[in-house]
N, C-alpha and C. Protein backbone atom coordinates (compact mmCIF):
# COMPACT_ATOMS: atom_id res chain seq x y z
N MET A 1 125.14 -20.58 -50.75
CA MET A 1 125.00 -20.47 -49.34
C MET A 1 124.94 -19.02 -48.97
N THR A 2 124.09 -18.41 -48.53
CA THR A 2 124.28 -17.03 -48.16
C THR A 2 124.99 -16.93 -46.67
N THR A 3 125.37 -15.71 -46.30
CA THR A 3 126.21 -15.53 -45.10
C THR A 3 125.06 -15.71 -43.91
N GLN A 4 124.03 -15.26 -44.32
CA GLN A 4 122.81 -15.50 -43.14
C GLN A 4 122.52 -16.52 -42.77
N THR A 5 122.56 -17.69 -43.56
CA THR A 5 122.37 -19.03 -43.24
C THR A 5 123.59 -20.02 -42.61
N VAL A 6 124.37 -19.49 -42.30
CA VAL A 6 125.58 -20.10 -41.75
C VAL A 6 125.35 -20.41 -40.41
N SER A 7 125.48 -21.66 -40.01
CA SER A 7 125.31 -22.11 -38.54
C SER A 7 126.49 -22.45 -37.89
N MET A 8 126.27 -22.42 -36.51
CA MET A 8 127.51 -23.00 -35.85
C MET A 8 128.27 -24.21 -35.97
N GLN A 9 127.41 -25.29 -36.62
CA GLN A 9 127.63 -26.45 -37.02
C GLN A 9 128.41 -26.40 -38.32
N GLN A 10 127.99 -25.76 -39.28
CA GLN A 10 128.68 -25.54 -40.36
C GLN A 10 130.16 -24.83 -40.19
N CYS A 11 130.18 -23.97 -39.31
CA CYS A 11 131.39 -23.23 -39.03
C CYS A 11 132.41 -24.54 -38.42
N PHE A 12 132.09 -25.20 -37.52
CA PHE A 12 132.88 -26.23 -36.95
C PHE A 12 133.14 -27.34 -38.15
N SER A 13 132.35 -27.38 -39.16
CA SER A 13 132.45 -28.51 -40.21
C SER A 13 133.63 -27.78 -41.19
N TRP A 14 133.60 -26.51 -41.39
CA TRP A 14 134.66 -25.90 -42.03
C TRP A 14 135.80 -25.98 -41.36
N ALA A 15 136.06 -25.53 -40.11
CA ALA A 15 137.24 -25.55 -39.45
C ALA A 15 137.93 -26.95 -39.30
N ASN A 16 137.24 -27.96 -39.12
CA ASN A 16 137.39 -29.23 -39.47
C ASN A 16 138.01 -29.81 -40.57
N GLU A 17 137.40 -29.42 -41.79
CA GLU A 17 138.04 -29.34 -42.97
C GLU A 17 139.45 -28.89 -43.34
N ILE A 18 139.42 -27.61 -42.75
CA ILE A 18 140.76 -27.03 -42.98
C ILE A 18 141.89 -27.30 -41.98
N THR A 19 141.67 -27.81 -40.91
CA THR A 19 142.73 -28.26 -40.14
C THR A 19 143.02 -29.65 -40.14
N ARG A 20 142.24 -30.67 -40.60
CA ARG A 20 142.79 -31.83 -40.93
C ARG A 20 143.75 -32.07 -42.27
N CYS A 21 143.81 -31.05 -42.88
CA CYS A 21 144.83 -31.26 -44.09
C CYS A 21 146.44 -31.68 -43.55
N GLN A 22 146.88 -32.60 -44.31
CA GLN A 22 148.17 -33.07 -44.08
C GLN A 22 149.35 -32.19 -44.28
N ASN A 23 149.07 -31.40 -45.50
CA ASN A 23 149.92 -30.47 -46.07
C ASN A 23 149.52 -29.31 -46.54
N TYR A 24 150.51 -28.31 -46.95
CA TYR A 24 150.17 -27.30 -47.68
C TYR A 24 149.22 -27.11 -48.74
N GLN A 25 149.94 -28.25 -49.68
CA GLN A 25 149.11 -28.38 -50.93
C GLN A 25 147.59 -28.75 -50.86
N ALA A 26 147.30 -29.73 -49.98
CA ALA A 26 145.96 -30.24 -49.69
C ALA A 26 145.23 -29.05 -48.96
N LEU A 27 146.03 -28.31 -48.01
CA LEU A 27 144.98 -27.26 -47.36
C LEU A 27 144.72 -26.12 -48.31
N THR A 28 145.43 -26.00 -49.35
CA THR A 28 145.30 -24.81 -50.24
C THR A 28 144.03 -24.97 -51.15
N TYR A 29 144.14 -26.44 -51.78
CA TYR A 29 142.94 -27.04 -52.53
C TYR A 29 141.67 -26.99 -51.77
N VAL A 30 141.57 -27.34 -50.56
CA VAL A 30 140.52 -27.60 -49.50
C VAL A 30 140.11 -26.30 -49.32
N PHE A 31 140.95 -25.32 -49.01
CA PHE A 31 140.22 -23.95 -48.96
C PHE A 31 139.68 -23.27 -50.09
N ILE A 32 140.45 -23.56 -51.24
CA ILE A 32 139.92 -22.97 -52.49
C ILE A 32 138.50 -23.54 -52.95
N GLU A 33 138.28 -24.80 -52.73
CA GLU A 33 136.90 -25.50 -52.94
C GLU A 33 136.09 -25.08 -51.88
N LEU A 34 136.44 -25.04 -50.64
CA LEU A 34 135.37 -24.29 -49.73
C LEU A 34 134.73 -22.80 -50.09
N LEU A 35 135.83 -21.86 -50.54
CA LEU A 35 135.42 -20.57 -51.11
C LEU A 35 134.60 -20.65 -52.25
N LYS A 36 134.70 -21.65 -53.21
CA LYS A 36 134.11 -21.88 -54.32
C LYS A 36 132.79 -22.37 -53.93
N SER A 37 132.44 -22.85 -52.88
CA SER A 37 131.33 -23.52 -52.42
C SER A 37 130.16 -22.43 -52.22
N PHE A 38 130.49 -21.04 -51.84
CA PHE A 38 129.76 -19.95 -51.46
C PHE A 38 128.98 -19.65 -52.84
N ASN A 39 127.49 -19.31 -52.89
CA ASN A 39 126.97 -18.92 -54.03
C ASN A 39 127.70 -17.36 -54.40
N TRP A 40 128.04 -16.52 -53.75
CA TRP A 40 128.58 -15.32 -53.90
C TRP A 40 130.03 -15.17 -54.36
N VAL A 41 130.51 -16.35 -54.69
CA VAL A 41 131.99 -16.55 -55.03
C VAL A 41 131.77 -17.38 -56.33
N ASP A 42 132.24 -16.66 -57.51
CA ASP A 42 132.37 -17.01 -59.04
C ASP A 42 133.49 -17.86 -59.19
N SER A 43 134.57 -17.57 -58.83
CA SER A 43 135.99 -18.11 -58.86
C SER A 43 136.80 -17.88 -57.58
N ALA A 44 137.84 -18.90 -57.54
CA ALA A 44 138.80 -18.65 -56.61
C ALA A 44 140.10 -19.33 -57.04
N CYS A 45 141.22 -18.61 -56.96
CA CYS A 45 142.69 -19.21 -57.24
C CYS A 45 143.57 -18.50 -56.03
N ALA A 46 144.75 -19.12 -55.85
CA ALA A 46 145.60 -18.84 -55.22
C ALA A 46 147.10 -18.59 -55.81
N TYR A 47 147.67 -17.70 -55.12
CA TYR A 47 149.06 -17.31 -55.95
C TYR A 47 150.18 -17.10 -54.82
N GLU A 48 151.20 -17.74 -55.21
CA GLU A 48 152.56 -17.52 -54.23
C GLU A 48 153.32 -16.75 -54.91
N ILE A 49 153.93 -15.52 -54.22
CA ILE A 49 154.62 -14.59 -54.88
C ILE A 49 156.02 -14.86 -54.54
N TYR A 50 157.01 -15.33 -55.26
CA TYR A 50 158.32 -15.34 -54.70
C TYR A 50 158.99 -14.13 -55.21
N GLY A 51 160.28 -13.85 -54.58
CA GLY A 51 161.16 -12.82 -54.96
C GLY A 51 160.59 -11.21 -54.68
N ASP A 52 159.56 -11.01 -53.97
CA ASP A 52 158.95 -9.81 -53.68
C ASP A 52 159.21 -9.17 -52.46
N ARG A 53 159.97 -9.93 -51.75
CA ARG A 53 160.32 -9.10 -50.20
C ARG A 53 161.46 -7.98 -50.56
N LYS A 54 161.02 -6.90 -50.03
CA LYS A 54 161.87 -5.85 -50.29
C LYS A 54 162.72 -5.53 -49.07
N LYS A 55 164.00 -5.20 -49.38
CA LYS A 55 164.74 -5.10 -48.17
C LYS A 55 165.10 -3.43 -47.86
N ARG A 56 165.14 -3.31 -46.60
CA ARG A 56 165.30 -1.85 -46.28
C ARG A 56 166.68 -1.33 -46.66
N THR A 57 166.37 -0.46 -47.55
CA THR A 57 167.56 0.48 -47.92
C THR A 57 167.40 1.90 -47.83
N GLN A 58 168.50 2.61 -48.10
CA GLN A 58 168.39 4.13 -48.21
C GLN A 58 168.08 4.49 -49.53
N ALA A 59 168.10 3.48 -50.28
CA ALA A 59 167.82 3.99 -51.96
C ALA A 59 166.01 3.85 -51.83
N ARG A 60 165.68 4.65 -52.93
CA ARG A 60 164.18 4.53 -53.19
C ARG A 60 164.03 2.88 -53.51
N HIS A 61 162.76 2.66 -53.51
CA HIS A 61 161.83 1.17 -53.65
C HIS A 61 162.47 1.09 -55.21
N ILE A 62 163.11 -0.16 -55.08
CA ILE A 62 163.38 -0.67 -56.56
C ILE A 62 162.56 -1.73 -56.88
N ALA A 63 162.12 -1.89 -57.92
CA ALA A 63 161.47 -3.18 -58.23
C ALA A 63 162.01 -4.36 -58.55
N SER A 64 161.71 -5.40 -57.83
CA SER A 64 162.66 -6.65 -58.15
C SER A 64 161.67 -7.60 -59.02
N GLU A 65 162.28 -8.56 -59.74
CA GLU A 65 161.63 -9.49 -60.54
C GLU A 65 160.95 -10.39 -59.57
N ILE A 66 159.72 -10.55 -59.96
CA ILE A 66 158.97 -11.82 -59.13
C ILE A 66 158.56 -13.02 -59.82
N LEU A 67 158.35 -14.03 -59.17
CA LEU A 67 157.93 -15.18 -59.76
C LEU A 67 156.59 -15.45 -59.00
N ILE A 68 155.55 -15.76 -59.79
CA ILE A 68 154.16 -15.98 -59.14
C ILE A 68 153.81 -17.43 -59.82
N ARG A 69 153.31 -18.04 -58.62
CA ARG A 69 153.06 -19.41 -58.90
C ARG A 69 151.59 -19.63 -58.74
N LYS A 70 150.38 -20.23 -59.35
CA LYS A 70 149.28 -20.21 -59.48
C LYS A 70 148.94 -21.56 -58.91
N LEU A 71 147.76 -21.52 -57.94
CA LEU A 71 147.30 -22.87 -57.31
C LEU A 71 145.72 -22.54 -57.67
N PRO A 72 145.20 -23.50 -58.22
CA PRO A 72 145.47 -24.87 -58.70
C PRO A 72 146.68 -24.92 -59.79
N LEU A 73 147.46 -25.64 -59.85
CA LEU A 73 148.49 -25.61 -60.82
C LEU A 73 148.00 -25.49 -62.20
N ASP A 74 148.56 -24.79 -62.94
CA ASP A 74 148.27 -24.74 -64.41
C ASP A 74 149.48 -24.69 -65.40
N PHE A 75 150.14 -25.74 -65.86
CA PHE A 75 151.19 -25.76 -66.50
C PHE A 75 150.93 -25.42 -68.07
N SER A 76 149.77 -25.49 -68.39
CA SER A 76 149.36 -25.49 -69.69
C SER A 76 149.25 -24.03 -70.27
N ALA A 77 149.53 -22.90 -69.21
CA ALA A 77 149.48 -21.52 -69.70
C ALA A 77 150.81 -21.15 -70.38
N GLU A 78 150.51 -20.27 -71.21
CA GLU A 78 151.88 -19.81 -72.10
C GLU A 78 152.60 -19.19 -71.32
N THR A 79 153.87 -19.20 -71.47
CA THR A 79 154.94 -18.76 -70.35
C THR A 79 155.02 -17.14 -70.71
N GLY A 80 154.84 -16.49 -71.85
CA GLY A 80 154.73 -15.22 -71.91
C GLY A 80 153.59 -14.37 -71.93
N GLU A 81 152.51 -15.12 -71.52
CA GLU A 81 151.25 -14.55 -71.16
C GLU A 81 151.19 -14.30 -69.67
N ASN A 82 150.84 -12.82 -69.35
CA ASN A 82 150.52 -12.20 -68.02
C ASN A 82 149.13 -12.77 -67.66
N THR A 83 148.97 -13.76 -66.87
CA THR A 83 147.63 -14.13 -66.35
C THR A 83 147.15 -13.25 -65.18
N TYR A 84 148.02 -12.55 -64.36
CA TYR A 84 147.84 -12.06 -63.23
C TYR A 84 148.40 -10.55 -63.26
N PRO A 85 147.78 -9.74 -63.91
CA PRO A 85 148.37 -8.32 -64.06
C PRO A 85 148.00 -7.41 -62.98
N PHE A 86 147.06 -7.95 -62.19
CA PHE A 86 146.76 -7.16 -60.92
C PHE A 86 147.68 -7.60 -59.76
N LEU A 87 148.63 -8.35 -60.01
CA LEU A 87 149.83 -8.63 -58.82
C LEU A 87 150.88 -7.98 -59.01
N ASP A 88 151.22 -7.61 -60.64
CA ASP A 88 152.60 -7.18 -60.91
C ASP A 88 153.22 -5.99 -60.19
N ASN A 89 152.69 -5.02 -60.08
CA ASN A 89 153.13 -3.71 -59.65
C ASN A 89 152.23 -3.33 -58.49
N ARG A 90 152.03 -4.13 -57.59
CA ARG A 90 151.02 -3.94 -56.42
C ARG A 90 151.54 -4.58 -55.28
N GLN A 91 151.50 -3.79 -54.10
CA GLN A 91 151.77 -4.44 -52.67
C GLN A 91 150.54 -5.08 -52.27
N LEU A 92 150.77 -6.40 -51.59
CA LEU A 92 149.66 -6.98 -51.22
C LEU A 92 149.03 -6.04 -50.08
N PRO A 93 147.80 -6.12 -49.72
CA PRO A 93 147.26 -5.39 -48.91
C PRO A 93 147.43 -5.97 -47.27
N GLU A 94 147.05 -5.38 -46.32
CA GLU A 94 147.23 -6.25 -45.03
C GLU A 94 146.17 -6.81 -44.71
N HIS A 95 144.90 -6.44 -44.98
CA HIS A 95 143.91 -7.11 -44.81
C HIS A 95 143.16 -7.37 -46.20
N ILE A 96 141.85 -7.90 -46.05
CA ILE A 96 141.18 -8.28 -47.03
C ILE A 96 140.76 -7.12 -48.07
N GLU A 97 140.88 -6.82 -49.08
CA GLU A 97 140.62 -5.80 -49.97
C GLU A 97 139.83 -6.14 -51.24
N ILE A 98 138.57 -5.48 -51.38
CA ILE A 98 137.68 -5.53 -52.44
C ILE A 98 138.07 -4.74 -53.64
N VAL A 99 138.35 -5.06 -54.77
CA VAL A 99 138.79 -4.35 -55.78
C VAL A 99 138.06 -4.40 -57.20
N THR A 100 137.77 -3.55 -58.00
CA THR A 100 137.32 -3.74 -59.30
C THR A 100 138.27 -3.79 -60.20
N LEU A 101 138.44 -4.61 -60.92
CA LEU A 101 139.52 -4.69 -62.00
C LEU A 101 138.97 -5.23 -63.42
N ALA A 102 138.87 -4.74 -64.55
CA ALA A 102 138.33 -5.22 -65.59
C ALA A 102 136.83 -5.47 -65.54
N GLU A 103 136.26 -4.52 -64.97
CA GLU A 103 134.82 -4.67 -64.56
C GLU A 103 134.30 -5.78 -63.89
N LYS A 104 135.06 -6.54 -63.16
CA LYS A 104 134.86 -7.63 -62.26
C LYS A 104 135.19 -7.27 -60.87
N THR A 105 134.41 -7.57 -59.84
CA THR A 105 134.83 -7.37 -58.51
C THR A 105 135.69 -8.63 -58.01
N LYS A 106 136.85 -8.05 -57.18
CA LYS A 106 137.50 -9.11 -56.82
C LYS A 106 137.88 -8.91 -55.44
N ALA A 107 137.94 -10.17 -54.78
CA ALA A 107 138.42 -10.00 -52.99
C ALA A 107 139.96 -10.27 -53.12
N LEU A 108 140.92 -9.55 -52.59
CA LEU A 108 142.21 -9.96 -52.50
C LEU A 108 142.52 -10.29 -50.81
N LEU A 109 142.71 -11.78 -50.79
CA LEU A 109 142.97 -12.18 -49.26
C LEU A 109 144.39 -12.46 -49.33
N PRO A 110 145.00 -11.54 -48.51
CA PRO A 110 146.29 -11.73 -48.36
C PRO A 110 146.86 -12.72 -47.31
N VAL A 111 147.87 -13.68 -47.53
CA VAL A 111 148.36 -14.35 -46.74
C VAL A 111 149.91 -14.46 -46.39
N ILE A 112 150.48 -13.67 -45.28
CA ILE A 112 151.76 -13.15 -45.43
C ILE A 112 152.54 -13.92 -44.15
N THR A 113 153.53 -14.69 -44.39
CA THR A 113 154.00 -15.42 -43.26
C THR A 113 155.63 -14.80 -43.30
N ASP A 114 156.11 -15.28 -42.31
CA ASP A 114 157.83 -15.11 -42.17
C ASP A 114 158.51 -16.27 -43.00
N THR A 115 158.05 -17.38 -42.93
CA THR A 115 158.77 -18.75 -43.44
C THR A 115 158.70 -18.88 -45.06
N GLY A 116 157.36 -18.70 -45.47
CA GLY A 116 157.00 -19.01 -46.82
C GLY A 116 157.00 -17.64 -47.74
N PRO A 117 156.41 -18.03 -48.91
CA PRO A 117 156.40 -16.64 -49.67
C PRO A 117 155.22 -15.95 -49.61
N ASP A 118 155.09 -14.77 -50.00
CA ASP A 118 153.93 -13.82 -49.92
C ASP A 118 152.76 -14.71 -50.62
N ARG A 119 151.50 -14.87 -50.13
CA ARG A 119 150.55 -15.48 -51.00
C ARG A 119 149.40 -14.47 -50.81
N VAL A 120 148.53 -14.67 -51.89
CA VAL A 120 147.21 -14.10 -51.91
C VAL A 120 146.17 -15.10 -52.65
N ILE A 121 145.00 -14.98 -52.05
CA ILE A 121 143.63 -15.78 -52.74
C ILE A 121 143.08 -14.98 -53.32
N VAL A 122 142.73 -15.13 -54.73
CA VAL A 122 141.77 -14.11 -55.44
C VAL A 122 140.56 -14.52 -55.45
N LEU A 123 139.44 -13.70 -55.05
CA LEU A 123 138.04 -14.30 -55.32
C LEU A 123 137.43 -13.42 -56.11
N GLU A 124 136.51 -14.04 -57.19
CA GLU A 124 135.72 -13.09 -57.96
C GLU A 124 134.22 -13.41 -57.59
N GLY A 125 133.42 -12.32 -57.54
CA GLY A 125 132.21 -12.54 -56.93
C GLY A 125 131.39 -11.13 -56.56
N VAL A 126 130.55 -11.30 -55.72
CA VAL A 126 129.84 -10.31 -55.02
C VAL A 126 129.89 -10.32 -53.41
N PHE A 127 130.59 -9.30 -52.92
CA PHE A 127 130.85 -9.31 -51.58
C PHE A 127 130.10 -8.18 -50.86
N ASN A 128 129.45 -8.53 -49.76
CA ASN A 128 128.81 -7.70 -48.93
C ASN A 128 129.75 -7.48 -47.64
N ASP A 129 129.24 -6.58 -46.70
CA ASP A 129 130.00 -6.76 -45.45
C ASP A 129 129.93 -8.11 -44.65
N GLU A 130 128.91 -8.61 -44.61
CA GLU A 130 128.72 -10.01 -43.97
C GLU A 130 129.65 -11.19 -44.55
N ALA A 131 129.96 -11.07 -45.88
CA ALA A 131 130.57 -11.91 -46.71
C ALA A 131 132.10 -11.61 -46.11
N VAL A 132 132.61 -10.49 -46.42
CA VAL A 132 133.86 -10.05 -45.91
C VAL A 132 134.21 -10.61 -44.55
N ALA A 133 133.32 -10.10 -43.71
CA ALA A 133 133.53 -10.75 -42.23
C ALA A 133 133.74 -12.36 -42.10
N LEU A 134 132.86 -13.14 -42.91
CA LEU A 134 133.04 -14.47 -42.99
C LEU A 134 134.45 -14.69 -43.53
N LEU A 135 134.75 -14.22 -44.45
CA LEU A 135 136.05 -14.65 -45.39
C LEU A 135 137.19 -14.28 -44.41
N ASN A 136 137.08 -13.14 -43.66
CA ASN A 136 138.07 -12.88 -42.77
C ASN A 136 138.28 -13.78 -41.58
N HIS A 137 137.17 -14.42 -41.02
CA HIS A 137 137.42 -15.55 -40.09
C HIS A 137 137.99 -16.75 -40.67
N LEU A 138 137.47 -17.01 -41.69
CA LEU A 138 138.18 -18.27 -42.51
C LEU A 138 139.60 -18.00 -42.78
N LEU A 139 139.93 -16.72 -43.54
CA LEU A 139 141.36 -16.45 -43.55
C LEU A 139 142.30 -16.62 -42.46
N ASN A 140 141.70 -16.04 -41.33
CA ASN A 140 142.57 -16.08 -40.19
C ASN A 140 143.08 -17.68 -39.85
N LEU A 141 141.81 -18.66 -40.00
CA LEU A 141 142.18 -19.89 -39.81
C LEU A 141 143.05 -20.72 -40.70
N TYR A 142 142.82 -20.34 -42.27
CA TYR A 142 143.82 -20.73 -43.16
C TYR A 142 145.09 -20.21 -42.89
N HIS A 143 145.33 -18.79 -42.63
CA HIS A 143 146.65 -18.34 -42.31
C HIS A 143 147.34 -19.00 -40.85
N ASN A 144 146.66 -19.22 -40.06
CA ASN A 144 147.46 -20.28 -39.16
C ASN A 144 147.65 -21.51 -39.45
N GLN A 145 147.13 -22.15 -40.11
CA GLN A 145 147.31 -23.61 -40.77
C GLN A 145 148.62 -23.49 -41.74
N VAL A 146 148.59 -22.45 -42.42
CA VAL A 146 149.55 -22.10 -43.48
C VAL A 146 150.88 -22.04 -42.77
N ILE A 147 150.90 -21.21 -41.57
CA ILE A 147 151.99 -20.99 -41.00
C ILE A 147 152.66 -22.41 -40.48
N LEU A 148 151.76 -23.25 -39.90
CA LEU A 148 152.17 -24.62 -39.17
C LEU A 148 152.82 -25.15 -40.25
N HIS A 149 152.01 -25.40 -41.66
CA HIS A 149 152.96 -26.31 -42.68
C HIS A 149 154.12 -25.54 -43.27
N ASP A 150 154.09 -24.29 -43.17
CA ASP A 150 155.60 -23.58 -43.70
C ASP A 150 156.66 -24.12 -42.89
N HIS A 151 156.34 -24.07 -41.57
CA HIS A 151 157.54 -24.49 -40.80
C HIS A 151 157.81 -25.88 -41.10
N LYS A 152 157.22 -26.70 -41.03
CA LYS A 152 157.35 -28.09 -41.31
C LYS A 152 157.63 -28.31 -42.81
N GLU A 153 157.50 -27.68 -43.93
CA GLU A 153 157.65 -28.30 -45.17
C GLU A 153 158.56 -27.35 -46.10
N ARG A 154 158.84 -25.93 -45.38
CA ARG A 154 159.79 -25.06 -46.40
C ARG A 154 161.24 -25.11 -45.58
N ASP A 155 162.05 -24.70 -46.54
CA ASP A 155 163.48 -24.37 -45.98
C ASP A 155 163.27 -22.89 -45.46
N VAL A 156 163.92 -22.83 -44.51
CA VAL A 156 163.93 -21.47 -43.61
C VAL A 156 164.85 -20.44 -44.44
N LEU A 157 166.05 -20.71 -45.05
CA LEU A 157 166.54 -19.80 -45.81
C LEU A 157 166.14 -19.32 -47.06
N THR A 158 165.74 -20.43 -48.05
CA THR A 158 165.19 -20.00 -49.35
C THR A 158 163.71 -19.99 -49.51
N ARG A 159 162.92 -20.47 -48.47
CA ARG A 159 161.42 -20.62 -48.32
C ARG A 159 160.96 -21.36 -49.38
N LEU A 160 161.94 -22.14 -50.09
CA LEU A 160 161.22 -23.22 -51.13
C LEU A 160 160.92 -24.58 -50.34
N PRO A 161 160.03 -25.21 -50.93
CA PRO A 161 159.61 -26.62 -50.33
C PRO A 161 160.70 -27.42 -50.05
N ASN A 162 160.83 -28.10 -49.06
CA ASN A 162 161.88 -29.02 -48.77
C ASN A 162 161.19 -30.55 -49.06
N ARG A 163 162.29 -31.56 -48.77
CA ARG A 163 161.97 -32.85 -48.98
C ARG A 163 160.76 -33.53 -48.39
N GLN A 164 160.04 -32.59 -47.26
CA GLN A 164 159.07 -33.18 -46.56
C GLN A 164 157.82 -33.22 -47.54
N SER A 165 157.76 -32.30 -48.35
CA SER A 165 156.57 -32.17 -49.52
C SER A 165 157.01 -32.27 -50.67
N PHE A 166 158.20 -33.00 -51.15
CA PHE A 166 158.55 -33.21 -52.35
C PHE A 166 157.80 -34.14 -53.12
N ASP A 167 157.35 -35.33 -52.37
CA ASP A 167 156.63 -36.50 -53.09
C ASP A 167 155.18 -35.77 -53.66
N ALA A 168 154.48 -35.05 -52.84
CA ALA A 168 153.17 -34.59 -52.92
C ALA A 168 153.20 -33.65 -54.17
N ARG A 169 154.39 -32.71 -54.44
CA ARG A 169 154.35 -31.88 -55.45
C ARG A 169 154.74 -32.59 -56.80
N LEU A 170 155.55 -33.59 -56.58
CA LEU A 170 156.06 -34.33 -57.89
C LEU A 170 154.76 -35.11 -58.51
N MET A 171 153.97 -35.70 -57.29
CA MET A 171 152.90 -36.33 -57.99
C MET A 171 151.79 -35.18 -58.55
N GLU A 172 151.70 -34.19 -58.06
CA GLU A 172 150.75 -33.06 -58.51
C GLU A 172 151.15 -32.82 -60.15
N VAL A 173 152.58 -32.66 -60.25
CA VAL A 173 152.88 -32.52 -61.76
C VAL A 173 152.84 -33.71 -62.23
N CYS A 174 153.12 -34.87 -62.13
CA CYS A 174 152.91 -35.93 -62.85
C CYS A 174 151.62 -36.39 -63.11
N GLU A 175 150.74 -35.98 -62.19
CA GLU A 175 149.10 -36.22 -62.66
C GLU A 175 148.70 -35.16 -63.55
N PHE A 176 149.18 -33.89 -63.56
CA PHE A 176 148.74 -33.08 -64.68
C PHE A 176 149.19 -33.50 -66.01
N TYR A 177 150.78 -33.95 -65.96
CA TYR A 177 151.10 -34.21 -67.23
C TYR A 177 150.41 -35.51 -67.79
N GLN A 178 149.93 -36.48 -67.10
CA GLN A 178 149.12 -37.62 -67.23
C GLN A 178 147.81 -37.23 -67.71
N ARG A 179 147.24 -36.39 -67.43
CA ARG A 179 146.03 -35.77 -68.05
C ARG A 179 146.32 -35.17 -69.34
N ALA A 180 147.28 -34.51 -69.34
CA ALA A 180 147.76 -33.68 -70.57
C ALA A 180 147.94 -34.54 -71.62
N ALA A 181 148.49 -35.74 -71.36
CA ALA A 181 148.85 -36.91 -72.53
C ALA A 181 147.56 -37.29 -73.28
N PHE A 182 146.42 -37.34 -72.54
CA PHE A 182 145.28 -37.52 -73.01
C PHE A 182 144.67 -36.38 -74.07
N SER A 183 145.28 -35.26 -73.93
CA SER A 183 144.81 -34.27 -74.93
C SER A 183 145.41 -34.13 -76.47
N LYS A 184 146.37 -35.26 -76.44
CA LYS A 184 146.82 -35.23 -77.66
C LYS A 184 147.94 -34.20 -77.93
N LYS A 185 148.37 -33.46 -77.27
CA LYS A 185 149.24 -32.26 -77.35
C LYS A 185 150.42 -32.74 -77.30
N THR A 186 151.36 -32.35 -78.26
CA THR A 186 152.85 -32.87 -78.10
C THR A 186 153.50 -31.71 -78.24
N ASP A 187 154.42 -31.44 -77.02
CA ASP A 187 155.29 -30.49 -76.66
C ASP A 187 156.52 -31.23 -75.91
N ASP A 188 157.71 -30.99 -76.49
CA ASP A 188 158.96 -31.68 -75.70
C ASP A 188 159.14 -31.11 -74.56
N LYS A 189 158.57 -29.80 -73.93
CA LYS A 189 158.77 -29.36 -72.68
C LYS A 189 158.02 -30.20 -71.84
N LEU A 190 157.04 -31.07 -72.11
CA LEU A 190 156.36 -31.61 -71.23
C LEU A 190 157.11 -32.75 -70.31
N SER A 191 158.35 -32.98 -70.99
CA SER A 191 158.97 -34.32 -69.81
C SER A 191 159.90 -33.38 -68.80
N TRP A 192 160.13 -32.27 -68.94
CA TRP A 192 160.96 -31.63 -68.12
C TRP A 192 160.49 -31.10 -66.81
N ILE A 193 160.96 -31.61 -65.74
CA ILE A 193 160.67 -31.03 -64.33
C ILE A 193 161.80 -30.47 -63.70
N ALA A 194 161.77 -29.18 -63.30
CA ALA A 194 162.80 -28.60 -62.47
C ALA A 194 162.50 -28.53 -60.84
N MET A 195 163.37 -29.33 -60.20
CA MET A 195 163.22 -29.06 -58.93
C MET A 195 164.45 -28.76 -58.13
N LEU A 196 164.17 -27.86 -57.16
CA LEU A 196 165.57 -27.55 -56.13
C LEU A 196 165.93 -28.43 -55.01
């Protein structure tokens, strides 16, 4: 779908898809699939960035260790492998940023809230001014929904998921490992799940 063929009815349909999601997980998956449906987007994934909040100190900026969680979840990735080098030493932009990394054009869509972790949605594709404007409107809607779900699903102190979303996250992990069992891959780490 090109940006010139977007109708008012289509915009309301997208808004309905995004706002009817019952939790953050469902919201993010619906939003990623919506973005992938555009013919100018080759791929889309979301990242949650934990531990990157910088405290105001008189000392110079000290890099802290960060933990990055990718959505859709991929537990099969090697733990030592860096699949997101573009996020390691980079401050998240305040607005949508188009960058070229490894000869690929990426759009970084930041989602920064007070309650949850910093987030960024990374798109690969071809982005013109109309596409960026459309992405900006959709990102604003997604951002507002994320804030609503964060207040409901996250602990204020740790910003980690609370018991409201425990069953959805546990089911996601179980479904992944159920699919992995069919791949005949034996790994004793597959049976361990760590939850706070």
